[in-house]
């Protein structure tokens, strides 16, 4: 699991904020929406 600022807060604080350990954080820039969709599909297929 990648450590983020939310990870460093600890499990109790994450639970209070409804941030589950199985959640996925996605940060994207300004890109064409179809490129983002294609990239996500490729990524998910590689781990399925």
PDB file of N, CA and C in Angstrom:
ATOM      1  N   UNK A   1       0.838  -1.167   0.000  1.00  0.00           N
ATOM      2  CA  UNK A   1       0.000   0.000   0.000  1.00  0.00           C
ATOM      3  C   UNK A   1       0.890   1.238   0.000  1.00  0.00           C
ATOM      4  N   UNK A   2       0.573   2.164  -0.875  1.00  0.00           N
ATOM      5  CA  UNK A   2       1.331   3.411  -0.927  1.00  0.00           C
ATOM      6  C   UNK A   2       0.983   4.279   0.278  1.00  0.00           C
ATOM      7  N   UNK A   3       1.974   4.855   0.865  1.00  0.00           N
ATOM      8  CA  UNK A   3       1.730   5.715   2.008  1.00  0.00           C
ATOM      9  C   UNK A   3       1.357   7.106   1.523  1.00  0.00           C
ATOM     10  N   UNK A   4       0.324   7.656   2.119  1.00  0.00           N
ATOM     11  CA  UNK A   4      -0.127   9.001   1.811  1.00  0.00           C
ATOM     12  C   UNK A   4      -0.313   9.747   3.114  1.00  0.00           C
ATOM     13  N   UNK A   5      -0.686  10.996   3.013  1.00  0.00           N
ATOM     14  CA  UNK A   5      -0.957  11.769   4.230  1.00  0.00           C
ATOM     15  C   UNK A   5      -2.050  11.100   5.052  1.00  0.00           C
ATOM     16  N   UNK A   6      -2.999  10.449   4.371  1.00  0.00           N
ATOM     17  CA  UNK A   6      -4.078   9.781   5.094  1.00  0.00           C
ATOM     18  C   UNK A   6      -3.568   8.537   5.817  1.00  0.00           C
ATOM     19  N   UNK A   7      -2.603   7.860   5.233  1.00  0.00           N
ATOM     20  CA  UNK A   7      -2.021   6.676   5.877  1.00  0.00           C
ATOM     21  C   UNK A   7      -1.334   7.084   7.171  1.00  0.00           C
ATOM     22  N   UNK A   8      -0.639   8.202   7.113  1.00  0.00           N
ATOM     23  CA  UNK A   8       0.111   8.670   8.278  1.00  0.00           C
ATOM     24  C   UNK A   8      -0.789   9.115   9.421  1.00  0.00           C
ATOM     25  N   UNK A   9      -2.059   9.394   9.134  1.00  0.00           N
ATOM     26  CA  UNK A   9      -3.001   9.800  10.189  1.00  0.00           C
ATOM     27  C   UNK A   9      -3.354   8.654  11.118  1.00  0.00           C
ATOM     28  N   UNK A  10      -3.184   7.429  10.645  1.00  0.00           N
ATOM     29  CA  UNK A  10      -3.493   6.267  11.455  1.00  0.00           C
ATOM     30  C   UNK A  10      -4.894   5.742  11.180  1.00  0.00           C
ATOM     31  N   UNK A  11      -5.130   4.472  11.532  1.00  0.00           N
ATOM     32  CA  UNK A  11      -6.393   3.816  11.201  1.00  0.00           C
ATOM     33  C   UNK A  11      -7.615   4.443  11.869  1.00  0.00           C
ATOM     34  N   UNK A  12      -7.468   4.935  13.093  1.00  0.00           N
ATOM     35  CA  UNK A  12      -8.624   5.517  13.778  1.00  0.00           C
ATOM     36  C   UNK A  12      -9.118   6.772  13.063  1.00  0.00           C
ATOM     37  N   UNK A  13      -8.195   7.638  12.699  1.00  0.00           N
ATOM     38  CA  UNK A  13      -8.568   8.881  12.014  1.00  0.00           C
ATOM     39  C   UNK A  13      -9.138   8.583  10.627  1.00  0.00           C
ATOM     40  N   UNK A  14      -8.534   7.621   9.919  1.00  0.00           N
ATOM     41  CA  UNK A  14      -9.059   7.247   8.597  1.00  0.00           C
ATOM     42  C   UNK A  14     -10.478   6.716   8.737  1.00  0.00           C
ATOM     43  N   UNK A  15     -10.743   5.926   9.762  1.00  0.00           N
ATOM     44  CA  UNK A  15     -12.083   5.390   9.963  1.00  0.00           C
ATOM     45  C   UNK A  15     -13.072   6.520  10.241  1.00  0.00           C
ATOM     46  N   UNK A  16     -12.675   7.495  11.029  1.00  0.00           N
ATOM     47  CA  UNK A  16     -13.533   8.646  11.313  1.00  0.00           C
ATOM     48  C   UNK A  16     -13.868   9.410  10.019  1.00  0.00           C
ATOM     49  N   UNK A  17     -12.935   9.416   9.082  1.00  0.00           N
ATOM     50  CA  UNK A  17     -13.113  10.142   7.822  1.00  0.00           C
ATOM     51  C   UNK A  17     -13.723   9.256   6.731  1.00  0.00           C
ATOM     52  N   UNK A  18     -14.097   8.029   7.097  1.00  0.00           N
ATOM     53  CA  UNK A  18     -14.649   7.056   6.134  1.00  0.00           C
ATOM     54  C   UNK A  18     -13.695   6.767   4.987  1.00  0.00           C
ATOM     55  N   UNK A  19     -12.407   6.683   5.305  1.00  0.00           N
ATOM     56  CA  UNK A  19     -11.386   6.330   4.316  1.00  0.00           C
ATOM     57  C   UNK A  19     -10.954   4.906   4.612  1.00  0.00           C
ATOM     58  N   UNK A  20     -11.423   3.962   3.792  1.00  0.00           N
ATOM     59  CA  UNK A  20     -11.098   2.556   3.995  1.00  0.00           C
ATOM     60  C   UNK A  20      -9.751   2.194   3.404  1.00  0.00           C
ATOM     61  N   UNK A  21      -9.127   1.165   3.964  1.00  0.00           N
ATOM     62  CA  UNK A  21      -7.820   0.721   3.473  1.00  0.00           C
ATOM     63  C   UNK A  21      -7.888   0.169   2.059  1.00  0.00           C
ATOM     64  N   UNK A  22      -9.075  -0.214   1.603  1.00  0.00           N
ATOM     65  CA  UNK A  22      -9.215  -0.751   0.259  1.00  0.00           C
ATOM     66  C   UNK A  22      -9.564   0.293  -0.790  1.00  0.00           C
ATOM     67  N   UNK A  23      -9.585   1.555  -0.395  1.00  0.00           N
ATOM     68  CA  UNK A  23      -9.936   2.611  -1.343  1.00  0.00           C
ATOM     69  C   UNK A  23      -8.778   2.911  -2.275  1.00  0.00           C
ATOM     70  N   UNK A  24      -9.123   3.429  -3.426  1.00  0.00           N
ATOM     71  CA  UNK A  24      -8.139   3.792  -4.439  1.00  0.00           C
ATOM     72  C   UNK A  24      -8.139   5.299  -4.597  1.00  0.00           C
ATOM     73  N   UNK A  25      -6.973   5.899  -4.513  1.00  0.00           N
ATOM     74  CA  UNK A  25      -6.845   7.342  -4.721  1.00  0.00           C
ATOM     75  C   UNK A  25      -6.326   7.548  -6.132  1.00  0.00           C
ATOM     76  N   UNK A  26      -7.024   8.398  -6.871  1.00  0.00           N
ATOM     77  CA  UNK A  26      -6.664   8.641  -8.259  1.00  0.00           C
ATOM     78  C   UNK A  26      -6.464  10.133  -8.465  1.00  0.00           C
ATOM     79  N   UNK A  27      -5.294  10.493  -8.933  1.00  0.00           N
ATOM     80  CA  UNK A  27      -4.989  11.889  -9.221  1.00  0.00           C
ATOM     81  C   UNK A  27      -4.612  11.985 -10.691  1.00  0.00           C
ATOM     82  N   UNK A  28      -5.313  12.832 -11.421  1.00  0.00           N
ATOM     83  CA  UNK A  28      -5.055  12.969 -12.853  1.00  0.00           C
ATOM     84  C   UNK A  28      -4.863  14.424 -13.208  1.00  0.00           C
ATOM     85  N   UNK A  29      -4.183  14.638 -14.311  1.00  0.00           N
ATOM     86  CA  UNK A  29      -3.989  15.991 -14.818  1.00  0.00           C
ATOM     87  C   UNK A  29      -5.006  16.280 -15.904  1.00  0.00           C
ATOM     88  N   UNK A  30      -4.733  17.273 -16.672  1.00  0.00           N
ATOM     89  CA  UNK A  30      -5.613  17.649 -17.772  1.00  0.00           C
ATOM     90  C   UNK A  30      -5.296  16.768 -18.975  1.00  0.00           C
ATOM     91  N   UNK A  31      -6.132  15.776 -19.188  1.00  0.00           N
ATOM     92  CA  UNK A  31      -5.950  14.849 -20.290  1.00  0.00           C
ATOM     93  C   UNK A  31      -7.290  14.607 -20.950  1.00  0.00           C
ATOM     94  N   UNK A  32      -7.224  14.095 -22.143  1.00  0.00           N
ATOM     95  CA  UNK A  32      -8.439  13.696 -22.842  1.00  0.00           C
ATOM     96  C   UNK A  32      -9.111  12.568 -22.070  1.00  0.00           C
ATOM     97  N   UNK A  33     -10.413  12.666 -21.876  1.00  0.00           N
ATOM     98  CA  UNK A  33     -11.115  11.668 -21.064  1.00  0.00           C
ATOM     99  C   UNK A  33     -10.989  10.264 -21.650  1.00  0.00           C
ATOM    100  N   UNK A  34     -10.973  10.130 -22.951  1.00  0.00           N
ATOM    101  CA  UNK A  34     -10.846   8.803 -23.560  1.00  0.00           C
ATOM    102  C   UNK A  34      -9.465   8.201 -23.289  1.00  0.00           C
ATOM    103  N   UNK A  35      -8.435   9.021 -23.223  1.00  0.00           N
ATOM    104  CA  UNK A  35      -7.095   8.524 -22.877  1.00  0.00           C
ATOM    105  C   UNK A  35      -7.069   8.016 -21.442  1.00  0.00           C
ATOM    106  N   UNK A  36      -7.708   8.755 -20.539  1.00  0.00           N
ATOM    107  CA  UNK A  36      -7.766   8.322 -19.140  1.00  0.00           C
ATOM    108  C   UNK A  36      -8.507   7.004 -19.005  1.00  0.00           C
ATOM    109  N   UNK A  37      -9.637   6.890 -19.692  1.00  0.00           N
ATOM    110  CA  UNK A  37     -10.429   5.658 -19.637  1.00  0.00           C
ATOM    111  C   UNK A  37      -9.621   4.488 -20.167  1.00  0.00           C
ATOM    112  N   UNK A  38      -8.944   4.679 -21.285  1.00  0.00           N
ATOM    113  CA  UNK A  38      -8.131   3.606 -21.873  1.00  0.00           C
ATOM    114  C   UNK A  38      -6.994   3.211 -20.932  1.00  0.00           C
ATOM    115  N   UNK A  39      -6.345   4.187 -20.321  1.00  0.00           N
ATOM    116  CA  UNK A  39      -5.245   3.893 -19.392  1.00  0.00           C
ATOM    117  C   UNK A  39      -5.741   3.116 -18.177  1.00  0.00           C
ATOM    118  N   UNK A  40      -6.894   3.516 -17.631  1.00  0.00           N
ATOM    119  CA  UNK A  40      -7.444   2.809 -16.480  1.00  0.00           C
ATOM    120  C   UNK A  40      -7.870   1.393 -16.843  1.00  0.00           C
ATOM    121  N   UNK A  41      -8.473   1.222 -18.000  1.00  0.00           N
ATOM    122  CA  UNK A  41      -8.868  -0.123 -18.432  1.00  0.00           C
ATOM    123  C   UNK A  41      -7.650  -1.023 -18.564  1.00  0.00           C
ATOM    124  N   UNK A  42      -6.595  -0.496 -19.158  1.00  0.00           N
ATOM    125  CA  UNK A  42      -5.363  -1.287 -19.328  1.00  0.00           C
ATOM    126  C   UNK A  42      -4.775  -1.650 -17.961  1.00  0.00           C
ATOM    127  N   UNK A  43      -4.765  -0.712 -17.037  1.00  0.00           N
ATOM    128  CA  UNK A  43      -4.213  -0.973 -15.714  1.00  0.00           C
ATOM    129  C   UNK A  43      -5.020  -2.030 -14.972  1.00  0.00           C
ATOM    130  N   UNK A  44      -6.346  -1.909 -15.005  1.00  0.00           N
ATOM    131  CA  UNK A  44      -7.178  -2.869 -14.307  1.00  0.00           C
ATOM    132  C   UNK A  44      -7.098  -4.267 -14.941  1.00  0.00           C
ATOM    133  N   UNK A  45      -6.972  -4.314 -16.244  1.00  0.00           N
ATOM    134  CA  UNK A  45      -6.844  -5.624 -16.908  1.00  0.00           C
ATOM    135  C   UNK A  45      -5.532  -6.300 -16.542  1.00  0.00           C
ATOM    136  N   UNK A  46      -4.497  -5.509 -16.280  1.00  0.00           N
ATOM    137  CA  UNK A  46      -3.200  -6.100 -15.967  1.00  0.00           C
ATOM    138  C   UNK A  46      -3.161  -6.696 -14.563  1.00  0.00           C
ATOM    139  N   UNK A  47      -4.065  -6.285 -13.680  1.00  0.00           N
ATOM    140  CA  UNK A  47      -4.082  -6.822 -12.322  1.00  0.00           C
ATOM    141  C   UNK A  47      -5.236  -7.776 -12.076  1.00  0.00           C
ATOM    142  N   UNK A  48      -6.110  -7.920 -13.059  1.00  0.00           N
ATOM    143  CA  UNK A  48      -7.279  -8.801 -12.909  1.00  0.00           C
ATOM    144  C   UNK A  48      -6.907 -10.253 -13.056  1.00  0.00           C
TER     145      UNK A  48
END
